């Protein structure tokens, strides 16, 4: 798969691997329950993703053990684009939020330690829904920008919940936004349109409606969703979370067909 520019010096695959299911199976909104993968399964899945040409890994402190497990199993660090988040943590079955300067710095330092790396390619603010308040009134963005200057982070942005918040993030100098978009949910289309006009990166979450492919329909809902999403030229990468190797293979096969590669 041909890489796309997140920044001029950060190229990502058009599909990214989401890792919620690597470390958390409580309080998630997927249609079926699931067990966390074993170490062997996780190793094999990461190896398969690498072989298939995926280089973007999406993780977060809110994904339970995901960062720690990735740090133990992710090889070829410099071949991967590592994206994590700040603001939300999931500990002992509970989510908590902290967008303060101190909280964000501690979160980044913890992610660096867990992921066993000395830099993070992209760090997103993990919004609780109050995008504009977080960006304007909390210390999160200023702290991420400072840590970018200091070399700990290569790019910053927000995993937003509102159009206004995403547009404000671009206005305030963020490199990327993660927005929701799929055939059943198009409310955030203005974010993609703004990304195209401003030549900013936009990552897509909830491409398969959080696993509810039955809502998307079509002979192949995966093809239906990816065709719909990649019709938007602004899309930098679509982050898809799976722990099923066959699903991963199919997702890549369909994406390549849709993209004509």
Protein backbone atom coordinates (compact mmCIF):
# COMPACT_ATOMS: atom_id res chain seq x y z
CA UNK A 1 0.00 0.00 0.00
CA UNK A 2 1.33 3.39 -0.97
CA UNK A 3 2.05 5.56 2.05
CA UNK A 4 0.37 8.92 2.65
CA UNK A 5 1.82 12.02 4.29
CA UNK A 6 0.82 12.67 7.89
CA UNK A 7 3.61 15.26 7.86
CA UNK A 8 6.18 15.70 5.12
CA UNK A 9 8.57 13.48 7.08
CA UNK A 10 5.97 11.03 8.45
CA UNK A 11 4.46 8.66 5.91
CA UNK A 12 1.69 6.28 6.98
CA UNK A 13 -0.15 3.36 5.44
CA UNK A 14 -3.75 4.07 4.39
CA UNK A 15 -4.84 1.50 6.98
CA UNK A 16 -3.68 1.70 10.58
CA UNK A 17 -3.96 -0.99 13.24
CA UNK A 18 -6.10 -0.05 16.24
CA UNK A 19 -5.13 -1.81 19.45
CA UNK A 20 -8.01 -1.35 21.89
CA UNK A 21 -8.54 -5.11 21.88
CA UNK A 22 -4.88 -5.74 22.73
CA UNK A 23 -5.39 -4.47 26.25
CA UNK A 24 -9.02 -3.81 27.17
CA UNK A 25 -12.26 -5.78 27.00
CA UNK A 26 -14.23 -3.96 29.69
CA UNK A 27 -16.57 -1.05 29.05
CA UNK A 28 -16.21 -1.22 25.26
CA UNK A 29 -19.03 -0.87 22.76
CA UNK A 30 -18.38 -3.78 20.43
CA UNK A 31 -21.30 -6.07 19.57
CA UNK A 32 -19.58 -9.24 20.88
CA UNK A 33 -17.49 -9.85 23.96
CA UNK A 34 -13.93 -11.08 23.43
CA UNK A 35 -10.86 -12.35 25.26
CA UNK A 36 -7.60 -10.44 25.12
CA UNK A 37 -5.14 -12.09 22.73
CA UNK A 38 -2.32 -14.21 24.12
CA UNK A 39 1.28 -13.05 23.75
CA UNK A 40 1.72 -15.49 20.87
CA UNK A 41 -1.41 -14.23 19.10
CA UNK A 42 -0.34 -10.63 19.58
CA UNK A 43 3.13 -11.38 18.17
CA UNK A 44 1.63 -13.09 15.14
CA UNK A 45 -0.86 -10.29 14.49
CA UNK A 46 1.82 -7.59 14.62
CA UNK A 47 4.02 -9.64 12.32
CA UNK A 48 1.14 -10.07 9.88
CA UNK A 49 0.33 -6.35 9.92
CA UNK A 50 3.98 -5.60 9.16
CA UNK A 51 4.03 -8.11 6.28
CA UNK A 52 0.84 -6.62 4.83
CA UNK A 53 2.38 -3.14 4.71
CA UNK A 54 0.68 -1.53 7.70
CA UNK A 55 3.01 0.83 9.55
CA UNK A 56 0.61 2.92 11.70
CA UNK A 57 -0.17 1.67 15.20
CA UNK A 58 -2.93 3.38 17.20
CA UNK A 59 -2.89 2.99 20.99
CA UNK A 60 -3.76 4.95 24.15
CA UNK A 61 -3.61 4.80 27.95
CA UNK A 62 -7.39 4.39 27.73
CA UNK A 63 -6.80 1.02 26.05
CA UNK A 64 -5.83 -0.68 29.29
CA UNK A 65 -2.71 -2.83 28.86
CA UNK A 66 -2.27 -2.00 25.16
CA UNK A 67 0.79 0.24 25.46
CA UNK A 68 2.61 -2.11 27.82
CA UNK A 69 1.92 -5.13 25.62
CA UNK A 70 2.99 -3.30 22.47
CA UNK A 71 6.23 -2.30 24.14
CA UNK A 72 7.03 -5.95 24.80
CA UNK A 73 6.13 -7.22 21.34
CA UNK A 74 6.69 -4.44 18.80
CA UNK A 75 9.87 -5.03 16.81
CA UNK A 76 11.49 -2.83 14.12
CA UNK A 77 10.54 0.33 16.05
CA UNK A 78 11.75 2.70 13.36
CA UNK A 79 9.61 0.96 10.74
CA UNK A 80 6.45 1.86 12.67
CA UNK A 81 4.56 5.12 13.15
CA UNK A 82 3.45 5.02 16.79
CA UNK A 83 0.40 7.10 17.71
CA UNK A 84 -0.89 7.30 21.27
CA UNK A 85 -3.05 9.67 23.25
CA UNK A 86 -3.24 11.71 26.45
CA UNK A 87 -6.09 12.83 28.67
CA UNK A 88 -7.89 9.55 29.37
CA UNK A 89 -6.64 6.58 31.38
CA UNK A 90 -8.31 3.24 32.11
CA UNK A 91 -7.24 1.66 35.38
CA UNK A 92 -8.99 -1.03 37.43
CA UNK A 93 -12.04 -0.97 35.16
CA UNK A 94 -12.58 2.79 35.35
CA UNK A 95 -11.84 5.67 32.98
CA UNK A 96 -10.52 8.97 34.32
CA UNK A 97 -9.63 12.21 32.58
CA UNK A 98 -6.79 14.68 33.17
CA UNK A 99 -5.99 17.36 30.59
CA UNK A 100 -3.72 19.41 32.85
CA UNK A 101 -0.12 20.23 31.88
CA UNK A 102 1.29 17.99 34.59
CA UNK A 103 -1.10 15.17 33.76
CA UNK A 104 -0.28 15.32 30.05
CA UNK A 105 3.48 15.37 30.61
CA UNK A 106 3.28 12.41 32.98
CA UNK A 107 1.11 10.57 30.46
CA UNK A 108 3.59 11.09 27.63
CA UNK A 109 6.49 10.01 29.85
CA UNK A 110 4.59 6.88 30.86
CA UNK A 111 3.78 6.07 27.22
CA UNK A 112 7.45 6.44 26.26
CA UNK A 113 8.36 4.04 29.05
CA UNK A 114 5.66 1.48 28.30
CA UNK A 115 6.29 1.53 24.55
CA UNK A 116 10.07 1.32 25.10
CA UNK A 117 10.84 4.21 22.78
CA UNK A 118 12.50 7.60 23.08
CA UNK A 119 9.99 9.40 20.85
CA UNK A 120 6.34 9.19 19.79
CA UNK A 121 5.37 9.90 16.20
CA UNK A 122 1.92 11.32 16.99
CA UNK A 123 0.16 12.14 20.25
CA UNK A 124 -3.54 13.00 20.24
CA UNK A 125 -5.63 14.53 23.00
CA UNK A 126 -8.22 11.86 23.88
CA UNK A 127 -11.25 14.12 24.20
CA UNK A 128 -14.05 13.50 26.68
CA UNK A 129 -16.41 15.40 24.36
CA UNK A 130 -15.59 18.92 25.53
CA UNK A 131 -13.17 19.58 22.67
CA UNK A 132 -13.25 23.37 22.67
CA UNK A 133 -12.91 23.71 26.44
CA UNK A 134 -9.98 21.30 26.48
CA UNK A 135 -8.19 23.12 23.67
CA UNK A 136 -8.84 26.63 25.00
CA UNK A 137 -8.79 26.24 28.78
CA UNK A 138 -6.65 23.21 29.67
CA UNK A 139 -2.87 22.87 29.41
CA UNK A 140 -2.89 19.77 27.22
CA UNK A 141 -2.20 21.31 23.82
CA UNK A 142 0.46 23.75 25.03
CA UNK A 143 2.25 20.91 26.80
CA UNK A 144 2.17 18.67 23.73
CA UNK A 145 3.49 21.52 21.57
CA UNK A 146 6.34 22.08 24.04
CA UNK A 147 7.18 18.38 24.13
CA UNK A 148 7.19 18.42 20.33
CA UNK A 149 9.75 21.22 20.41
CA UNK A 150 11.77 19.18 22.90
CA UNK A 151 11.86 16.20 20.54
CA UNK A 152 9.70 13.75 22.48
CA UNK A 153 6.84 14.01 19.95
CA UNK A 154 6.91 14.46 16.18
CA UNK A 155 3.27 15.51 15.62
CA UNK A 156 0.30 16.51 17.80
CA UNK A 157 -3.46 16.63 17.45
CA UNK A 158 -6.78 15.57 18.93
CA UNK A 159 -9.11 12.60 18.74
CA UNK A 160 -12.13 14.85 18.65
CA UNK A 161 -15.82 14.39 19.32
CA UNK A 162 -17.18 17.55 17.66
CA UNK A 163 -16.78 19.33 14.35
CA UNK A 164 -16.15 22.64 16.09
CA UNK A 165 -13.41 21.09 18.21
CA UNK A 166 -11.66 19.51 15.24
CA UNK A 167 -11.77 22.74 13.24
CA UNK A 168 -10.41 24.66 16.22
CA UNK A 169 -7.57 22.13 16.54
CA UNK A 170 -6.49 22.85 12.97
CA UNK A 171 -6.79 26.59 13.65
CA UNK A 172 -4.54 26.25 16.72
CA UNK A 173 -1.82 24.52 14.76
CA UNK A 174 -2.47 20.83 15.33
CA UNK A 175 -0.92 18.52 12.77
CA UNK A 176 -3.72 15.95 12.74
CA UNK A 177 -7.26 15.20 13.84
CA UNK A 178 -8.89 11.82 14.37
CA UNK A 179 -12.54 12.02 13.36
CA UNK A 180 -15.45 9.57 13.08
CA UNK A 181 -16.79 8.86 9.59
CA UNK A 182 -18.57 5.95 7.91
CA UNK A 183 -21.61 5.34 5.67
CA UNK A 184 -23.95 5.51 8.67
CA UNK A 185 -22.38 8.61 10.24
CA UNK A 186 -21.37 11.64 8.18
CA UNK A 187 -21.79 14.47 10.70
CA UNK A 188 -18.03 15.08 10.75
CA UNK A 189 -17.63 15.45 6.98
CA UNK A 190 -16.75 19.17 7.45
CA UNK A 191 -13.61 18.03 9.27
CA UNK A 192 -12.49 16.06 6.22
CA UNK A 193 -13.31 18.99 3.97
CA UNK A 194 -11.28 21.35 6.17
CA UNK A 195 -8.36 18.92 6.17
CA UNK A 196 -8.39 18.89 2.37
CA UNK A 197 -8.44 22.69 2.13
CA UNK A 198 -5.71 23.16 4.73
CA UNK A 199 -3.63 20.15 3.67
CA UNK A 200 -3.79 18.71 7.16
CA UNK A 201 -3.84 15.06 8.22
CA UNK A 202 -7.07 13.37 9.22
CA UNK A 203 -7.30 9.86 10.64
CA UNK A 204 -10.61 8.03 10.59
CA UNK A 205 -12.01 6.12 13.58
CA UNK A 206 -15.22 4.07 13.82
CA UNK A 207 -14.99 3.23 10.11
CA UNK A 208 -16.97 0.04 10.73
CA UNK A 209 -19.39 1.67 13.20
CA UNK A 210 -17.52 0.12 16.16
CA UNK A 211 -17.92 -3.39 14.76
CA UNK A 212 -21.58 -3.01 13.79
CA UNK A 213 -21.01 -3.94 10.15
CA UNK A 214 -24.64 -5.03 9.86
CA UNK A 215 -25.61 -1.35 9.99
CA UNK A 216 -23.45 -0.59 6.95
CA UNK A 217 -24.95 -3.22 4.68
CA UNK A 218 -23.94 -4.18 1.16
CA UNK A 219 -22.67 -7.51 -0.19
CA UNK A 220 -19.38 -6.81 1.62
CA UNK A 221 -19.81 -4.18 4.35
CA UNK A 222 -16.02 -3.78 4.62
CA UNK A 223 -15.82 -2.82 0.95
CA UNK A 224 -18.88 -0.60 1.32
CA UNK A 225 -17.32 1.29 4.23
CA UNK A 226 -13.82 1.64 2.82
CA UNK A 227 -15.05 2.70 -0.62
CA UNK A 228 -17.21 5.35 1.02
CA UNK A 229 -14.40 6.65 3.24
CA UNK A 230 -11.59 6.65 0.69
CA UNK A 231 -13.82 8.58 -1.71
CA UNK A 232 -12.76 11.52 0.47
CA UNK A 233 -9.32 12.49 -0.83
CA UNK A 234 -8.37 14.12 2.48
CA UNK A 235 -8.29 10.81 4.37
CA UNK A 236 -4.75 10.08 5.52
CA UNK A 237 -5.40 6.71 7.17
CA UNK A 238 -8.29 4.61 8.43
CA UNK A 239 -7.63 3.03 11.83
CA UNK A 240 -9.20 -0.43 12.11
CA UNK A 241 -9.07 -2.43 15.32
CA UNK A 242 -8.97 -6.22 15.08
CA UNK A 243 -7.40 -9.23 16.73
CA UNK A 244 -8.56 -11.59 13.99
CA UNK A 245 -5.84 -12.34 11.38
CA UNK A 246 -8.37 -13.19 8.68
CA UNK A 247 -10.21 -9.94 9.24
CA UNK A 248 -6.90 -8.09 9.00
CA UNK A 249 -6.01 -9.81 5.72
CA UNK A 250 -9.46 -9.08 4.29
CA UNK A 251 -9.34 -5.43 5.36
CA UNK A 252 -6.01 -4.94 3.58
CA UNK A 253 -7.13 -6.86 0.49
CA UNK A 254 -10.27 -4.73 0.21
CA UNK A 255 -8.38 -1.48 0.84
CA UNK A 256 -5.90 -2.30 -1.92
CA UNK A 257 -8.74 -3.06 -4.33
CA UNK A 258 -10.56 0.14 -3.43
CA UNK A 259 -7.37 2.19 -3.82
CA UNK A 260 -6.44 0.46 -7.06
CA UNK A 261 -3.11 -0.97 -5.90
